[in-house]
Amino acid sequence: EESALYLVETRQVSILGIDTASIDYGPSTDFIVHRIACDANVPGLENVANLDLLPATGSWIIALPMKIEGGSGGPARIVALVPRN
């Protein structure tokens, strides 16, 4: 919760990405990180590979989700545009 608030309110990130199955703690029942992100209109990307290869700032993330009628999420093709040094 603390980290989500910091990222959304202080850092004002445009998107959350994580290399695990959920932006919330595994056995979460209140899904507080999902709620914090949703309230701030910040999408969450889960199971994302190679996040450690991105710089802390300056990249553009393009997420192309599959449309699933009536769904609240789904698989996505995710690419990053990283500026040249």
N, C-alpha and C. Protein backbone atom coordinates (compact mmCIF):
# COMPACT_ATOMS: atom_id res chain seq x y z
N GLU A 1 0.83 -1.20 0.00
CA GLU A 1 0.00 0.00 0.00
C GLU A 1 0.87 1.26 0.00
N GLU A 2 1.87 1.26 0.88
CA GLU A 2 2.77 2.42 0.98
C GLU A 2 3.48 2.69 -0.34
N SER A 3 3.99 1.63 -0.96
CA SER A 3 4.70 1.78 -2.23
C SER A 3 3.77 2.25 -3.34
N ALA A 4 2.57 1.71 -3.38
CA ALA A 4 1.60 2.12 -4.40
C ALA A 4 1.26 3.59 -4.25
N LEU A 5 1.02 4.04 -3.03
CA LEU A 5 0.72 5.46 -2.80
C LEU A 5 1.90 6.33 -3.21
N TYR A 6 3.11 5.90 -2.88
CA TYR A 6 4.30 6.67 -3.26
C TYR A 6 4.41 6.79 -4.78
N LEU A 7 4.26 5.67 -5.47
CA LEU A 7 4.40 5.69 -6.93
C LEU A 7 3.31 6.52 -7.60
N VAL A 8 2.08 6.38 -7.13
CA VAL A 8 0.96 7.06 -7.76
C VAL A 8 0.90 8.54 -7.38
N GLU A 9 1.08 8.85 -6.10
CA GLU A 9 0.91 10.23 -5.64
C GLU A 9 2.19 11.06 -5.73
N THR A 10 3.30 10.51 -5.28
CA THR A 10 4.55 11.28 -5.24
C THR A 10 5.28 11.24 -6.58
N ARG A 11 5.50 10.05 -7.10
CA ARG A 11 6.20 9.92 -8.39
C ARG A 11 5.30 10.20 -9.58
N GLN A 12 3.99 10.13 -9.37
CA GLN A 12 2.98 10.37 -10.41
C GLN A 12 3.26 9.53 -11.66
N VAL A 13 3.46 8.22 -11.44
CA VAL A 13 3.71 7.31 -12.55
C VAL A 13 2.46 7.20 -13.42
N SER A 14 2.67 6.85 -14.67
CA SER A 14 1.56 6.70 -15.61
C SER A 14 1.05 5.27 -15.66
N ILE A 15 1.88 4.34 -15.19
CA ILE A 15 1.53 2.92 -15.26
C ILE A 15 2.35 2.16 -14.21
N LEU A 16 1.79 1.09 -13.68
CA LEU A 16 2.53 0.21 -12.77
C LEU A 16 2.85 -1.08 -13.51
N GLY A 17 4.05 -1.57 -13.38
CA GLY A 17 4.44 -2.83 -13.99
C GLY A 17 5.18 -3.69 -12.98
N ILE A 18 4.92 -4.98 -13.01
CA ILE A 18 5.56 -5.88 -12.05
C ILE A 18 5.80 -7.23 -12.72
N ASP A 19 6.83 -7.94 -12.26
CA ASP A 19 7.18 -9.23 -12.88
C ASP A 19 6.53 -10.42 -12.17
N THR A 20 5.55 -10.15 -11.32
CA THR A 20 4.83 -11.23 -10.64
C THR A 20 3.38 -11.26 -11.12
N ALA A 21 2.61 -12.20 -10.59
CA ALA A 21 1.25 -12.43 -11.08
C ALA A 21 0.23 -11.36 -10.67
N SER A 22 0.58 -10.50 -9.74
CA SER A 22 -0.37 -9.47 -9.31
C SER A 22 0.37 -8.26 -8.77
N ILE A 23 -0.21 -7.08 -8.96
CA ILE A 23 0.37 -5.88 -8.36
C ILE A 23 0.09 -5.85 -6.86
N ASP A 24 -0.82 -6.73 -6.40
CA ASP A 24 -1.10 -6.87 -4.97
C ASP A 24 -0.35 -8.06 -4.40
N TYR A 25 -0.18 -8.06 -3.09
CA TYR A 25 0.41 -9.17 -2.36
C TYR A 25 -0.44 -10.42 -2.60
N GLY A 26 0.20 -11.55 -2.84
CA GLY A 26 -0.47 -12.79 -3.21
C GLY A 26 -1.78 -13.11 -2.52
N PRO A 27 -1.80 -13.25 -1.19
CA PRO A 27 -3.05 -13.63 -0.54
C PRO A 27 -3.98 -12.44 -0.23
N SER A 28 -3.78 -11.33 -0.89
CA SER A 28 -4.60 -10.14 -0.64
C SER A 28 -6.09 -10.44 -0.86
N THR A 29 -6.91 -9.90 0.01
CA THR A 29 -8.36 -10.03 -0.17
C THR A 29 -9.01 -8.68 -0.42
N ASP A 30 -8.29 -7.59 -0.12
CA ASP A 30 -8.87 -6.26 -0.34
C ASP A 30 -8.33 -5.59 -1.61
N PHE A 31 -7.29 -6.15 -2.20
CA PHE A 31 -6.70 -5.64 -3.45
C PHE A 31 -6.46 -4.13 -3.41
N ILE A 32 -5.81 -3.69 -2.33
CA ILE A 32 -5.62 -2.26 -2.10
C ILE A 32 -4.78 -1.61 -3.19
N VAL A 33 -3.75 -2.29 -3.69
CA VAL A 33 -2.92 -1.69 -4.75
C VAL A 33 -3.74 -1.51 -6.02
N HIS A 34 -4.56 -2.50 -6.36
CA HIS A 34 -5.45 -2.36 -7.52
C HIS A 34 -6.38 -1.16 -7.33
N ARG A 35 -6.92 -1.00 -6.12
CA ARG A 35 -7.85 0.10 -5.87
C ARG A 35 -7.16 1.45 -5.92
N ILE A 36 -5.95 1.54 -5.36
CA ILE A 36 -5.18 2.79 -5.41
C ILE A 36 -4.88 3.16 -6.85
N ALA A 37 -4.42 2.18 -7.62
CA ALA A 37 -4.09 2.43 -9.03
C ALA A 37 -5.33 2.82 -9.82
N CYS A 38 -6.41 2.10 -9.62
CA CYS A 38 -7.66 2.38 -10.34
C CYS A 38 -8.19 3.77 -10.01
N ASP A 39 -8.16 4.14 -8.74
CA ASP A 39 -8.63 5.47 -8.33
C ASP A 39 -7.83 6.59 -8.97
N ALA A 40 -6.56 6.31 -9.29
CA ALA A 40 -5.68 7.32 -9.91
C ALA A 40 -5.63 7.15 -11.43
N ASN A 41 -6.45 6.25 -11.97
CA ASN A 41 -6.47 5.97 -13.41
C ASN A 41 -5.09 5.52 -13.92
N VAL A 42 -4.43 4.69 -13.11
CA VAL A 42 -3.11 4.15 -13.45
C VAL A 42 -3.25 2.66 -13.72
N PRO A 43 -3.06 2.22 -14.96
CA PRO A 43 -3.17 0.79 -15.25
C PRO A 43 -2.04 -0.01 -14.61
N GLY A 44 -2.31 -1.27 -14.34
CA GLY A 44 -1.30 -2.17 -13.80
C GLY A 44 -1.00 -3.29 -14.78
N LEU A 45 0.28 -3.50 -15.06
CA LEU A 45 0.71 -4.59 -15.93
C LEU A 45 1.39 -5.64 -15.06
N GLU A 46 0.97 -6.89 -15.22
CA GLU A 46 1.48 -7.97 -14.39
C GLU A 46 2.19 -9.01 -15.25
N ASN A 47 3.10 -9.76 -14.63
CA ASN A 47 3.90 -10.80 -15.32
C ASN A 47 4.73 -10.20 -16.45
N VAL A 48 5.29 -9.04 -16.24
CA VAL A 48 6.08 -8.37 -17.28
C VAL A 48 7.55 -8.77 -17.12
N ALA A 49 8.16 -9.21 -18.22
CA ALA A 49 9.56 -9.64 -18.21
C ALA A 49 10.50 -8.48 -18.52
N ASN A 50 11.71 -8.57 -18.02
CA ASN A 50 12.82 -7.66 -18.34
C ASN A 50 12.63 -6.22 -17.89
N LEU A 51 11.83 -6.00 -16.87
CA LEU A 51 11.65 -4.64 -16.36
C LEU A 51 12.97 -4.06 -15.86
N ASP A 52 13.86 -4.92 -15.39
CA ASP A 52 15.14 -4.45 -14.87
C ASP A 52 16.03 -3.86 -15.97
N LEU A 53 15.70 -4.10 -17.23
CA LEU A 53 16.49 -3.57 -18.33
C LEU A 53 16.07 -2.15 -18.72
N LEU A 54 14.97 -1.66 -18.16
CA LEU A 54 14.49 -0.32 -18.49
C LEU A 54 15.11 0.73 -17.56
N PRO A 55 15.40 1.93 -18.09
CA PRO A 55 15.88 3.00 -17.23
C PRO A 55 14.74 3.47 -16.31
N ALA A 56 15.08 4.09 -15.21
CA ALA A 56 14.08 4.56 -14.24
C ALA A 56 13.14 5.59 -14.84
N THR A 57 13.61 6.38 -15.78
CA THR A 57 12.77 7.37 -16.46
C THR A 57 13.13 7.41 -17.94
N GLY A 58 12.24 7.99 -18.73
CA GLY A 58 12.55 8.25 -20.13
C GLY A 58 12.06 7.24 -21.14
N SER A 59 11.52 6.12 -20.71
CA SER A 59 11.03 5.11 -21.65
C SER A 59 9.55 5.33 -21.94
N TRP A 60 9.14 4.85 -23.09
CA TRP A 60 7.72 4.81 -23.44
C TRP A 60 7.31 3.35 -23.43
N ILE A 61 6.18 3.06 -22.78
CA ILE A 61 5.66 1.70 -22.73
C ILE A 61 4.41 1.65 -23.59
N ILE A 62 4.34 0.65 -24.44
CA ILE A 62 3.15 0.45 -25.28
C ILE A 62 2.58 -0.91 -24.91
N ALA A 63 1.36 -0.90 -24.41
CA ALA A 63 0.69 -2.15 -24.03
C ALA A 63 -0.54 -2.32 -24.92
N LEU A 64 -0.57 -3.43 -25.61
CA LEU A 64 -1.66 -3.72 -26.54
C LEU A 64 -2.46 -4.91 -26.02
N PRO A 65 -3.49 -4.65 -25.19
CA PRO A 65 -4.25 -5.76 -24.60
C PRO A 65 -5.23 -6.39 -25.58
N MET A 66 -5.47 -7.66 -25.35
CA MET A 66 -6.49 -8.39 -26.12
C MET A 66 -7.85 -7.98 -25.57
N LYS A 67 -8.78 -7.69 -26.44
CA LYS A 67 -10.13 -7.35 -26.00
C LYS A 67 -10.86 -8.62 -25.58
N ILE A 68 -11.39 -8.61 -24.36
CA ILE A 68 -12.17 -9.72 -23.86
C ILE A 68 -13.50 -9.15 -23.38
N GLU A 69 -14.57 -9.47 -24.09
CA GLU A 69 -15.87 -8.91 -23.76
C GLU A 69 -16.26 -9.22 -22.31
N GLY A 70 -16.60 -8.17 -21.57
CA GLY A 70 -17.02 -8.33 -20.19
C GLY A 70 -15.86 -8.55 -19.22
N GLY A 71 -14.62 -8.56 -19.73
CA GLY A 71 -13.46 -8.82 -18.88
C GLY A 71 -12.94 -7.57 -18.21
N SER A 72 -12.21 -7.75 -17.13
CA SER A 72 -11.58 -6.62 -16.45
C SER A 72 -10.07 -6.62 -16.67
N GLY A 73 -9.59 -7.53 -17.46
CA GLY A 73 -8.16 -7.63 -17.76
C GLY A 73 -7.96 -8.69 -18.81
N GLY A 74 -6.72 -8.84 -19.23
CA GLY A 74 -6.44 -9.85 -20.23
C GLY A 74 -4.98 -9.81 -20.64
N PRO A 75 -4.55 -10.76 -21.46
CA PRO A 75 -3.16 -10.78 -21.91
C PRO A 75 -2.88 -9.58 -22.81
N ALA A 76 -1.63 -9.15 -22.81
CA ALA A 76 -1.24 -7.99 -23.62
C ALA A 76 0.15 -8.20 -24.21
N ARG A 77 0.36 -7.64 -25.37
CA ARG A 77 1.71 -7.55 -25.95
C ARG A 77 2.26 -6.22 -25.45
N ILE A 78 3.40 -6.26 -24.79
CA ILE A 78 3.98 -5.06 -24.19
C ILE A 78 5.37 -4.82 -24.78
N VAL A 79 5.60 -3.61 -25.25
CA VAL A 79 6.91 -3.23 -25.78
C VAL A 79 7.34 -1.93 -25.12
N ALA A 80 8.64 -1.71 -25.08
CA ALA A 80 9.19 -0.48 -24.53
C ALA A 80 10.05 0.21 -25.58
N LEU A 81 9.88 1.52 -25.67
CA LEU A 81 10.75 2.33 -26.52
C LEU A 81 11.72 3.04 -25.59
N VAL A 82 12.99 2.73 -25.74
CA VAL A 82 14.03 3.24 -24.85
C VAL A 82 14.90 4.22 -25.63
N PRO A 83 15.11 5.42 -25.08
CA PRO A 83 15.94 6.38 -25.80
C PRO A 83 17.39 5.90 -25.93
N ARG A 84 18.01 6.26 -27.04
CA ARG A 84 19.41 5.92 -27.23
C ARG A 84 20.27 6.80 -26.35
N ASN A 85 21.37 6.24 -25.89
CA ASN A 85 22.28 7.01 -25.04
C ASN A 85 23.18 7.89 -25.85
